[in-house]
C-alpha cells in the first residue's frame, strides 16, 4: 500500500550504567493517508515512545520516519499533538490558547481569519459558549476539548494522540471519542493514537497495532477493523465482528504480549488487562 507515514526499523535505546536499555525495536509500520491507527499495549510497552518519536519530541536511536515523502527530524506544525493532559496556559482564555498555534502556523492570514479558525474549532468541539473562560473555569473534559480544537486548528498532516481520554470519566470519554471521530472524518486527517483501552481502539480505528511487552517491545500483531463509517457506538457494538475482535485483542494482551519475553507457560490475567477490558 502507498504509505503516507512510513516507520522503518525504528529502535529506541537509553544508555544506563548497566548497559543499553532497549525500549522498542524492529518497528515497521505504514499508515495510509486518512487512516486512523491506534497502538495498544500494556503500560511500559513503549507505545508512547513510538508516538513521541513520530512527533519529533524523542530522538530516534535507529531507523527513520517519513511523513508525506519527507523524513522527519524534530517536531513541526505538520503534526498536531493531543496529550493526556492538554497543558493549557492558565492565564489565557480557551480562545487565546488555540490562537497561539494558529498565529505561528497561519501568520500570513489576517487577524480576522485566524480568529475565525479558532472560533470554528472551539465551536465544533462544543465550547462555543466557553471561549472566554480560562482553564481554571473549565472541567477536565472541557480542557481536553480545547486541546483537540488546538490540534485540529493547525490543519496538520498528521494527528498524534497520546491516551487523550485516559484521565476522563466514562461518560465524558465516550462523548469526546465521538467528537474526535466526527472531526477526524470531516477533516480527512491521518491519525495515530496510543491507548490501552480495547473498546476505544475498536470504536475509533481502521487498524490496531498491538505491541508486545517491554523491554525491547515490538509489533506483535496488526488487526484490521472494518466496521462501516461514519460510526456510532451502538452500531459498532451490535456489529457481528465486534466481540470476535474484542476477544482477539484481549487474548493478545493477556497471552501473546508476554510471549516475546516470558517462558512458555499459562499466562495469568494481568491487572492492566483486567482493568481495561472489563
C-alpha atoms as a PDB file:
ATOM      1  CA  UNK A   1       0.000   0.000   0.000  1.00  0.00           C
ATOM      2  CA  UNK A   2       1.152   3.557  -0.576  1.00  0.00           C
ATOM      3  CA  UNK A   3       2.237   4.966   2.778  1.00  0.00           C
ATOM      4  CA  UNK A   4       1.584   8.491   3.979  1.00  0.00           C
ATOM      5  CA  UNK A   5       3.524   7.769   7.170  1.00  0.00           C
ATOM      6  CA  UNK A   6       6.248   5.145   6.974  1.00  0.00           C
ATOM      7  CA  UNK A   7       8.155   3.950  10.040  1.00  0.00           C
ATOM      8  CA  UNK A   8      11.185   1.814   9.164  1.00  0.00           C
ATOM      9  CA  UNK A   9      13.341  -0.309  11.520  1.00  0.00           C
ATOM     10  CA  UNK A  10      12.666   2.071  14.402  1.00  0.00           C
ATOM     11  CA  UNK A  11      14.629   1.495  17.593  1.00  0.00           C
ATOM     12  CA  UNK A  12      14.916   3.429  20.863  1.00  0.00           C
ATOM     13  CA  UNK A  13      17.740   2.789  23.304  1.00  0.00           C
ATOM     14  CA  UNK A  14      18.548   4.596  26.558  1.00  0.00           C
ATOM     15  CA  UNK A  15      22.095   4.230  27.915  1.00  0.00           C
ATOM     16  CA  UNK A  16      22.237   3.082  31.560  1.00  0.00           C
ATOM     17  CA  UNK A  17      25.146   2.312  33.922  1.00  0.00           C
ATOM     18  CA  UNK A  18      24.467  -1.401  33.326  1.00  0.00           C
ATOM     19  CA  UNK A  19      24.445  -1.044  29.528  1.00  0.00           C
ATOM     20  CA  UNK A  20      21.926  -0.032  26.889  1.00  0.00           C
ATOM     21  CA  UNK A  21      18.213  -0.404  27.711  1.00  0.00           C
ATOM     22  CA  UNK A  22      16.303  -1.238  24.530  1.00  0.00           C
ATOM     23  CA  UNK A  23      12.773   0.212  24.800  1.00  0.00           C
ATOM     24  CA  UNK A  24      11.397  -0.631  21.328  1.00  0.00           C
ATOM     25  CA  UNK A  25      12.962  -2.316  18.307  1.00  0.00           C
ATOM     26  CA  UNK A  26      12.126  -3.539  14.796  1.00  0.00           C
ATOM     27  CA  UNK A  27       9.149  -1.171  14.494  1.00  0.00           C
ATOM     28  CA  UNK A  28       7.956  -1.190  10.877  1.00  0.00           C
ATOM     29  CA  UNK A  29       4.603   0.380  10.065  1.00  0.00           C
ATOM     30  CA  UNK A  30       2.924   2.008   7.072  1.00  0.00           C
ATOM     31  CA  UNK A  31      -0.121   4.224   7.535  1.00  0.00           C
ATOM     32  CA  UNK A  32      -2.261   5.310   4.580  1.00  0.00           C
ATOM     33  CA  UNK A  33      -3.419   8.875   4.095  1.00  0.00           C
ATOM     34  CA  UNK A  34      -6.638   9.472   6.041  1.00  0.00           C
ATOM     35  CA  UNK A  35      -6.298   6.266   8.066  1.00  0.00           C
ATOM     36  CA  UNK A  36      -6.935   6.100  11.824  1.00  0.00           C
ATOM     37  CA  UNK A  37      -4.491   3.728  13.520  1.00  0.00           C
ATOM     38  CA  UNK A  38      -4.312   3.003  17.241  1.00  0.00           C
ATOM     39  CA  UNK A  39      -1.348   1.481  19.057  1.00  0.00           C
ATOM     40  CA  UNK A  40      -2.342  -0.672  22.014  1.00  0.00           C
ATOM     41  CA  UNK A  41      -0.373  -2.476  24.702  1.00  0.00           C
ATOM     42  CA  UNK A  42       0.316  -2.705  28.420  1.00  0.00           C
ATOM     43  CA  UNK A  43       1.817   0.197  30.361  1.00  0.00           C
ATOM     44  CA  UNK A  44       5.550   0.406  29.750  1.00  0.00           C
ATOM     45  CA  UNK A  45       5.490  -1.374  26.370  1.00  0.00           C
ATOM     46  CA  UNK A  46       6.916   1.656  24.562  1.00  0.00           C
ATOM     47  CA  UNK A  47       3.813   2.692  22.621  1.00  0.00           C
ATOM     48  CA  UNK A  48       4.092   6.334  23.762  1.00  0.00           C
ATOM     49  CA  UNK A  49       7.827   6.247  22.987  1.00  0.00           C
ATOM     50  CA  UNK A  50       6.994   5.379  19.359  1.00  0.00           C
ATOM     51  CA  UNK A  51       4.401   8.180  19.205  1.00  0.00           C
ATOM     52  CA  UNK A  52       6.867  10.705  20.671  1.00  0.00           C
ATOM     53  CA  UNK A  53       9.455   9.731  18.054  1.00  0.00           C
ATOM     54  CA  UNK A  54       6.862  10.357  15.316  1.00  0.00           C
ATOM     55  CA  UNK A  55       6.082  13.706  16.995  1.00  0.00           C
ATOM     56  CA  UNK A  56       9.793  14.568  16.964  1.00  0.00           C
ATOM     57  CA  UNK A  57       9.783  15.006  20.751  1.00  0.00           C
ATOM     58  CA  UNK A  58      12.032  11.997  21.419  1.00  0.00           C
ATOM     59  CA  UNK A  59      15.153  11.419  19.290  1.00  0.00           C
ATOM     60  CA  UNK A  60      15.395   8.228  17.220  1.00  0.00           C
ATOM     61  CA  UNK A  61      18.225   5.808  18.034  1.00  0.00           C
ATOM     62  CA  UNK A  62      17.989   3.843  14.792  1.00  0.00           C
ATOM     63  CA  UNK A  63      15.662   3.763  11.790  1.00  0.00           C
ATOM     64  CA  UNK A  64      13.686   6.557  10.187  1.00  0.00           C
ATOM     65  CA  UNK A  65      10.204   8.052   9.889  1.00  0.00           C
ATOM     66  CA  UNK A  66       8.879   9.577   6.653  1.00  0.00           C
ATOM     67  CA  UNK A  67       5.690  11.666   6.550  1.00  0.00           C
ATOM     68  CA  UNK A  68       4.238  12.722   3.167  1.00  0.00           C
ATOM     69  CA  UNK A  69       7.567  11.974   1.474  1.00  0.00           C
ATOM     70  CA  UNK A  70       9.666  13.975   3.951  1.00  0.00           C
ATOM     71  CA  UNK A  71      11.954  12.400   6.540  1.00  0.00           C
ATOM     72  CA  UNK A  72      11.112  13.742   9.986  1.00  0.00           C
ATOM     73  CA  UNK A  73      13.757  15.391  12.108  1.00  0.00           C
ATOM     74  CA  UNK A  74      12.403  17.090  15.215  1.00  0.00           C
ATOM     75  CA  UNK A  75       8.922  18.493  15.909  1.00  0.00           C
ATOM     76  CA  UNK A  76       6.924  20.577  13.441  1.00  0.00           C
ATOM     77  CA  UNK A  77       3.479  22.046  12.743  1.00  0.00           C
ATOM     78  CA  UNK A  78       2.804  19.231  10.233  1.00  0.00           C
ATOM     79  CA  UNK A  79       1.962  17.082  13.300  1.00  0.00           C
ATOM     80  CA  UNK A  80      -0.806  18.089  15.719  1.00  0.00           C
ATOM     81  CA  UNK A  81      -0.422  16.576  19.181  1.00  0.00           C
ATOM     82  CA  UNK A  82      -3.098  15.838  21.793  1.00  0.00           C
ATOM     83  CA  UNK A  83      -1.723  14.759  25.170  1.00  0.00           C
ATOM     84  CA  UNK A  84      -3.460  13.098  28.124  1.00  0.00           C
ATOM     85  CA  UNK A  85      -3.366  16.492  29.838  1.00  0.00           C
ATOM     86  CA  UNK A  86      -3.733  19.406  27.405  1.00  0.00           C
ATOM     87  CA  UNK A  87      -1.187  21.730  29.121  1.00  0.00           C
ATOM     88  CA  UNK A  88      -3.082  24.984  28.580  1.00  0.00           C
ATOM     89  CA  UNK A  89      -1.565  28.303  29.637  1.00  0.00           C
ATOM     90  CA  UNK A  90      -3.610  29.209  32.741  1.00  0.00           C
ATOM     91  CA  UNK A  91      -3.574  32.990  32.181  1.00  0.00           C
ATOM     92  CA  UNK A  92      -5.063  32.701  28.664  1.00  0.00           C
ATOM     93  CA  UNK A  93      -8.674  32.020  27.672  1.00  0.00           C
ATOM     94  CA  UNK A  94      -9.674  28.943  25.667  1.00  0.00           C
ATOM     95  CA  UNK A  95      -9.724  31.101  22.523  1.00  0.00           C
ATOM     96  CA  UNK A  96      -6.289  32.581  23.251  1.00  0.00           C
ATOM     97  CA  UNK A  97      -4.803  29.126  23.915  1.00  0.00           C
ATOM     98  CA  UNK A  98      -5.988  27.920  20.497  1.00  0.00           C
ATOM     99  CA  UNK A  99      -4.866  31.177  18.838  1.00  0.00           C
ATOM    100  CA  UNK A 100      -1.250  30.664  19.992  1.00  0.00           C
ATOM    101  CA  UNK A 101      -0.571  27.887  17.496  1.00  0.00           C
ATOM    102  CA  UNK A 102      -2.703  29.429  14.759  1.00  0.00           C
ATOM    103  CA  UNK A 103      -0.687  32.652  14.887  1.00  0.00           C
ATOM    104  CA  UNK A 104       2.540  30.667  14.444  1.00  0.00           C
ATOM    105  CA  UNK A 105       1.287  28.499  11.570  1.00  0.00           C
ATOM    106  CA  UNK A 106      -1.044  30.885   9.697  1.00  0.00           C
ATOM    107  CA  UNK A 107       0.987  34.060  10.175  1.00  0.00           C
ATOM    108  CA  UNK A 108       0.178  35.248   6.610  1.00  0.00           C
ATOM    109  CA  UNK A 109      -3.592  35.189   7.292  1.00  0.00           C
ATOM    110  CA  UNK A 110      -5.382  38.265   8.590  1.00  0.00           C
ATOM    111  CA  UNK A 111      -6.163  38.532  12.303  1.00  0.00           C
ATOM    112  CA  UNK A 112      -9.859  38.095  11.474  1.00  0.00           C
ATOM    113  CA  UNK A 113      -9.192  34.881   9.524  1.00  0.00           C
ATOM    114  CA  UNK A 114      -7.071  33.464  12.359  1.00  0.00           C
ATOM    115  CA  UNK A 115      -9.795  34.292  14.863  1.00  0.00           C
ATOM    116  CA  UNK A 116     -12.394  32.554  12.678  1.00  0.00           C
ATOM    117  CA  UNK A 117     -10.299  29.354  12.611  1.00  0.00           C
ATOM    118  CA  UNK A 118     -10.002  29.312  16.421  1.00  0.00           C
ATOM    119  CA  UNK A 119     -13.691  30.035  16.983  1.00  0.00           C
ATOM    120  CA  UNK A 120     -14.797  27.479  14.389  1.00  0.00           C
ATOM    121  CA  UNK A 121     -12.870  24.600  16.009  1.00  0.00           C
ATOM    122  CA  UNK A 122     -13.841  25.607  19.543  1.00  0.00           C
ATOM    123  CA  UNK A 123     -17.479  25.641  18.425  1.00  0.00           C
ATOM    124  CA  UNK A 124     -17.346  22.216  16.737  1.00  0.00           C
ATOM    125  CA  UNK A 125     -15.841  20.621  19.869  1.00  0.00           C
ATOM    126  CA  UNK A 126     -18.738  22.063  21.891  1.00  0.00           C
ATOM    127  CA  UNK A 127     -17.124  25.110  23.504  1.00  0.00           C
ATOM    128  CA  UNK A 128     -18.970  27.856  21.635  1.00  0.00           C
ATOM    129  CA  UNK A 129     -20.200  29.338  24.926  1.00  0.00           C
ATOM    130  CA  UNK A 130     -16.908  28.934  26.813  1.00  0.00           C
ATOM    131  CA  UNK A 131     -14.305  30.562  24.566  1.00  0.00           C
ATOM    132  CA  UNK A 132     -13.586  33.383  27.027  1.00  0.00           C
ATOM    133  CA  UNK A 133     -13.103  31.095  30.016  1.00  0.00           C
ATOM    134  CA  UNK A 134      -9.673  30.378  31.422  1.00  0.00           C
ATOM    135  CA  UNK A 135      -8.554  26.774  32.104  1.00  0.00           C
ATOM    136  CA  UNK A 136      -9.348  27.019  35.852  1.00  0.00           C
ATOM    137  CA  UNK A 137     -13.009  27.692  34.930  1.00  0.00           C
ATOM    138  CA  UNK A 138     -13.185  24.602  32.676  1.00  0.00           C
ATOM    139  CA  UNK A 139     -13.695  20.959  33.656  1.00  0.00           C
ATOM    140  CA  UNK A 140     -11.053  18.358  32.731  1.00  0.00           C
ATOM    141  CA  UNK A 141     -13.203  17.270  29.777  1.00  0.00           C
ATOM    142  CA  UNK A 142     -13.646  20.856  28.562  1.00  0.00           C
ATOM    143  CA  UNK A 143      -9.897  21.453  28.795  1.00  0.00           C
ATOM    144  CA  UNK A 144      -9.339  18.375  26.665  1.00  0.00           C
ATOM    145  CA  UNK A 145     -11.836  19.759  24.120  1.00  0.00           C
ATOM    146  CA  UNK A 146      -9.600  22.843  23.915  1.00  0.00           C
ATOM    147  CA  UNK A 147      -6.628  20.530  23.327  1.00  0.00           C
ATOM    148  CA  UNK A 148      -8.462  18.748  20.485  1.00  0.00           C
ATOM    149  CA  UNK A 149      -9.566  22.069  18.932  1.00  0.00           C
ATOM    150  CA  UNK A 150      -5.983  23.374  19.152  1.00  0.00           C
ATOM    151  CA  UNK A 151      -4.574  20.308  17.328  1.00  0.00           C
ATOM    152  CA  UNK A 152      -7.149  20.335  14.507  1.00  0.00           C
ATOM    153  CA  UNK A 153      -6.954  24.133  14.087  1.00  0.00           C
ATOM    154  CA  UNK A 154      -3.340  23.849  12.876  1.00  0.00           C
ATOM    155  CA  UNK A 155      -4.591  21.719   9.929  1.00  0.00           C
ATOM    156  CA  UNK A 156      -1.690  19.271  10.394  1.00  0.00           C
ATOM    157  CA  UNK A 157      -0.803  16.446   8.002  1.00  0.00           C
ATOM    158  CA  UNK A 158      -0.923  14.032  10.915  1.00  0.00           C
ATOM    159  CA  UNK A 159      -2.797  13.946  14.217  1.00  0.00           C
ATOM    160  CA  UNK A 160      -0.982  12.255  17.120  1.00  0.00           C
ATOM    161  CA  UNK A 161      -2.911  11.378  20.286  1.00  0.00           C
ATOM    162  CA  UNK A 162      -1.318  10.057  23.476  1.00  0.00           C
ATOM    163  CA  UNK A 163      -4.101   8.483  25.592  1.00  0.00           C
ATOM    164  CA  UNK A 164      -6.103  11.733  25.308  1.00  0.00           C
ATOM    165  CA  UNK A 165      -9.101  10.401  27.252  1.00  0.00           C
ATOM    166  CA  UNK A 166      -7.211   8.453  29.925  1.00  0.00           C
ATOM    167  CA  UNK A 167      -7.959  10.933  32.741  1.00  0.00           C
ATOM    168  CA  UNK A 168     -11.673  11.363  31.983  1.00  0.00           C
ATOM    169  CA  UNK A 169     -14.750   9.645  33.417  1.00  0.00           C
ATOM    170  CA  UNK A 170     -16.508   7.125  31.162  1.00  0.00           C
ATOM    171  CA  UNK A 171     -19.335   9.406  30.038  1.00  0.00           C
ATOM    172  CA  UNK A 172     -17.023  12.286  29.110  1.00  0.00           C
ATOM    173  CA  UNK A 173     -14.654   9.848  27.413  1.00  0.00           C
ATOM    174  CA  UNK A 174     -17.450   8.462  25.222  1.00  0.00           C
ATOM    175  CA  UNK A 175     -18.594  11.983  24.305  1.00  0.00           C
ATOM    176  CA  UNK A 176     -15.084  13.077  23.346  1.00  0.00           C
ATOM    177  CA  UNK A 177     -14.398   9.916  21.358  1.00  0.00           C
ATOM    178  CA  UNK A 178     -17.436  10.839  19.242  1.00  0.00           C
ATOM    179  CA  UNK A 179     -16.259  14.476  18.914  1.00  0.00           C
ATOM    180  CA  UNK A 180     -12.829  13.229  17.829  1.00  0.00           C
ATOM    181  CA  UNK A 181     -14.083  10.702  15.277  1.00  0.00           C
ATOM    182  CA  UNK A 182     -16.547  13.199  13.736  1.00  0.00           C
ATOM    183  CA  UNK A 183     -13.822  15.861  13.427  1.00  0.00           C
ATOM    184  CA  UNK A 184     -11.358  13.323  12.033  1.00  0.00           C
ATOM    185  CA  UNK A 185     -13.836  12.183   9.372  1.00  0.00           C
ATOM    186  CA  UNK A 186     -14.791  15.739   8.394  1.00  0.00           C
ATOM    187  CA  UNK A 187     -11.140  16.853   8.103  1.00  0.00           C
ATOM    188  CA  UNK A 188      -9.922  13.594   6.495  1.00  0.00           C
ATOM    189  CA  UNK A 189      -6.785  13.699   8.614  1.00  0.00           C
ATOM    190  CA  UNK A 190      -4.315  10.853   9.156  1.00  0.00           C
ATOM    191  CA  UNK A 191      -4.295   9.842  12.825  1.00  0.00           C
ATOM    192  CA  UNK A 192      -2.161   7.716  15.138  1.00  0.00           C
ATOM    193  CA  UNK A 193      -3.341   7.236  18.693  1.00  0.00           C
ATOM    194  CA  UNK A 194      -1.934   5.433  21.725  1.00  0.00           C
ATOM    195  CA  UNK A 195      -4.396   3.745  24.087  1.00  0.00           C
ATOM    196  CA  UNK A 196      -4.671   0.740  26.391  1.00  0.00           C
ATOM    197  CA  UNK A 197      -8.476   0.697  26.167  1.00  0.00           C
ATOM    198  CA  UNK A 198      -9.700  -2.143  23.931  1.00  0.00           C
ATOM    199  CA  UNK A 199     -13.184  -0.704  23.332  1.00  0.00           C
ATOM    200  CA  UNK A 200     -11.780   2.732  22.484  1.00  0.00           C
ATOM    201  CA  UNK A 201      -9.398   1.182  19.954  1.00  0.00           C
ATOM    202  CA  UNK A 202     -12.227  -0.801  18.309  1.00  0.00           C
ATOM    203  CA  UNK A 203     -14.554   2.211  18.107  1.00  0.00           C
ATOM    204  CA  UNK A 204     -12.012   4.590  16.563  1.00  0.00           C
ATOM    205  CA  UNK A 205      -9.627   2.537  14.435  1.00  0.00           C
ATOM    206  CA  UNK A 206      -9.180   1.311  10.902  1.00  0.00           C
ATOM    207  CA  UNK A 207      -6.308  -0.824  12.201  1.00  0.00           C
ATOM    208  CA  UNK A 208      -4.992  -1.663  15.679  1.00  0.00           C
ATOM    209  CA  UNK A 209      -1.250  -2.164  16.187  1.00  0.00           C
ATOM    210  CA  UNK A 210      -0.637  -4.499  19.167  1.00  0.00           C
ATOM    211  CA  UNK A 211       2.684  -4.075  20.980  1.00  0.00           C
ATOM    212  CA  UNK A 212       4.437  -6.850  22.895  1.00  0.00           C
ATOM    213  CA  UNK A 213       5.539  -6.113  26.457  1.00  0.00           C
ATOM    214  CA  UNK A 214       8.790  -4.248  27.020  1.00  0.00           C
ATOM    215  CA  UNK A 215      11.683  -4.072  27.318  1.00  0.00           C
ATOM    216  CA  UNK A 216      12.651  -4.420  23.639  1.00  0.00           C
ATOM    217  CA  UNK A 217       8.981  -4.259  22.662  1.00  0.00           C
ATOM    218  CA  UNK A 218       7.966  -4.979  19.073  1.00  0.00           C
ATOM    219  CA  UNK A 219       4.789  -5.031  16.992  1.00  0.00           C
ATOM    220  CA  UNK A 220       3.179  -8.374  17.785  1.00  0.00           C
ATOM    221  CA  UNK A 221       0.057  -8.222  15.624  1.00  0.00           C
ATOM    222  CA  UNK A 222      -1.915  -5.779  13.460  1.00  0.00           C
ATOM    223  CA  UNK A 223      -5.699  -6.165  13.495  1.00  0.00           C
ATOM    224  CA  UNK A 224      -7.968  -4.803  10.736  1.00  0.00           C
ATOM    225  CA  UNK A 225     -11.188  -3.143  11.943  1.00  0.00           C
ATOM    226  CA  UNK A 226     -13.737  -2.972   9.138  1.00  0.00           C
ATOM    227  CA  UNK A 227     -16.822  -1.519  10.848  1.00  0.00           C
ATOM    228  CA  UNK A 228     -18.657   0.846   8.473  1.00  0.00           C
ATOM    229  CA  UNK A 229     -18.071   4.603   8.761  1.00  0.00           C
ATOM    230  CA  UNK A 230     -19.416   7.011   9.901  1.00  0.00           C
ATOM    231  CA  UNK A 231     -19.565   5.116  13.196  1.00  0.00           C
ATOM    232  CA  UNK A 232     -21.908   5.246  16.084  1.00  0.00           C
ATOM    233  CA  UNK A 233     -21.180   3.341  19.271  1.00  0.00           C
ATOM    234  CA  UNK A 234     -24.427   1.323  19.316  1.00  0.00           C
ATOM    235  CA  UNK A 235     -23.963   0.153  15.707  1.00  0.00           C
ATOM    236  CA  UNK A 236     -20.327  -0.788  16.353  1.00  0.00           C
ATOM    237  CA  UNK A 237     -21.216  -2.824  19.448  1.00  0.00           C
ATOM    238  CA  UNK A 238     -24.012  -4.615  17.563  1.00  0.00           C
ATOM    239  CA  UNK A 239     -21.737  -5.487  14.618  1.00  0.00           C
ATOM    240  CA  UNK A 240     -21.317  -9.281  14.273  1.00  0.00           C
ATOM    241  CA  UNK A 241     -17.485  -8.979  14.365  1.00  0.00           C
ATOM    242  CA  UNK A 242     -17.307  -6.740  17.448  1.00  0.00           C
ATOM    243  CA  UNK A 243     -16.957  -9.361  20.165  1.00  0.00           C
ATOM    244  CA  UNK A 244     -14.755 -11.587  17.999  1.00  0.00           C
ATOM    245  CA  UNK A 245     -12.278  -8.696  17.512  1.00  0.00           C
ATOM    246  CA  UNK A 246     -12.553  -7.718  21.171  1.00  0.00           C
ATOM    247  CA  UNK A 247     -11.692 -11.286  22.204  1.00  0.00           C
ATOM    248  CA  UNK A 248      -8.748 -11.304  19.779  1.00  0.00           C
ATOM    249  CA  UNK A 249      -7.373  -8.111  21.355  1.00  0.00           C
ATOM    250  CA  UNK A 250      -7.883  -9.299  24.939  1.00  0.00           C
ATOM    251  CA  UNK A 251      -6.219 -12.637  24.133  1.00  0.00           C
ATOM    252  CA  UNK A 252      -3.239 -10.778  22.691  1.00  0.00           C
ATOM    253  CA  UNK A 253      -2.927  -8.539  25.764  1.00  0.00           C
ATOM    254  CA  UNK A 254      -3.304 -11.449  28.194  1.00  0.00           C
ATOM    255  CA  UNK A 255      -1.165 -14.044  26.449  1.00  0.00           C
ATOM    256  CA  UNK A 256       0.698 -13.069  23.297  1.00  0.00           C
ATOM    257  CA  UNK A 257       2.018  -9.701  24.532  1.00  0.00           C
ATOM    258  CA  UNK A 258       4.106 -11.553  27.143  1.00  0.00           C
ATOM    259  CA  UNK A 259       5.298 -14.407  24.921  1.00  0.00           C
ATOM    260  CA  UNK A 260       8.108 -12.323  23.437  1.00  0.00           C
ATOM    261  CA  UNK A 261       9.923 -12.296  26.797  1.00  0.00           C
ATOM    262  CA  UNK A 262       8.406 -14.882  29.136  1.00  0.00           C
ATOM    263  CA  UNK A 263       8.875 -18.683  29.079  1.00  0.00           C
ATOM    264  CA  UNK A 264       6.002 -20.560  27.506  1.00  0.00           C
ATOM    265  CA  UNK A 265       3.654 -21.087  30.451  1.00  0.00           C
ATOM    266  CA  UNK A 266      -0.033 -20.308  31.052  1.00  0.00           C
ATOM    267  CA  UNK A 267      -0.219 -16.509  31.334  1.00  0.00           C
ATOM    268  CA  UNK A 268      -2.027 -15.125  34.369  1.00  0.00           C
ATOM    269  CA  UNK A 269      -4.525 -12.376  33.683  1.00  0.00           C
ATOM    270  CA  UNK A 270      -2.625  -9.123  34.191  1.00  0.00           C
ATOM    271  CA  UNK A 271      -4.053  -6.308  36.274  1.00  0.00           C
ATOM    272  CA  UNK A 272      -3.693  -3.921  33.322  1.00  0.00           C
ATOM    273  CA  UNK A 273      -5.666  -6.218  31.048  1.00  0.00           C
ATOM    274  CA  UNK A 274      -8.372  -6.723  33.663  1.00  0.00           C
ATOM    275  CA  UNK A 275      -8.657  -3.010  34.387  1.00  0.00           C
ATOM    276  CA  UNK A 276      -9.058  -2.021  30.777  1.00  0.00           C
ATOM    277  CA  UNK A 277     -11.077  -4.863  29.332  1.00  0.00           C
ATOM    278  CA  UNK A 278     -13.872  -5.262  31.861  1.00  0.00           C
END
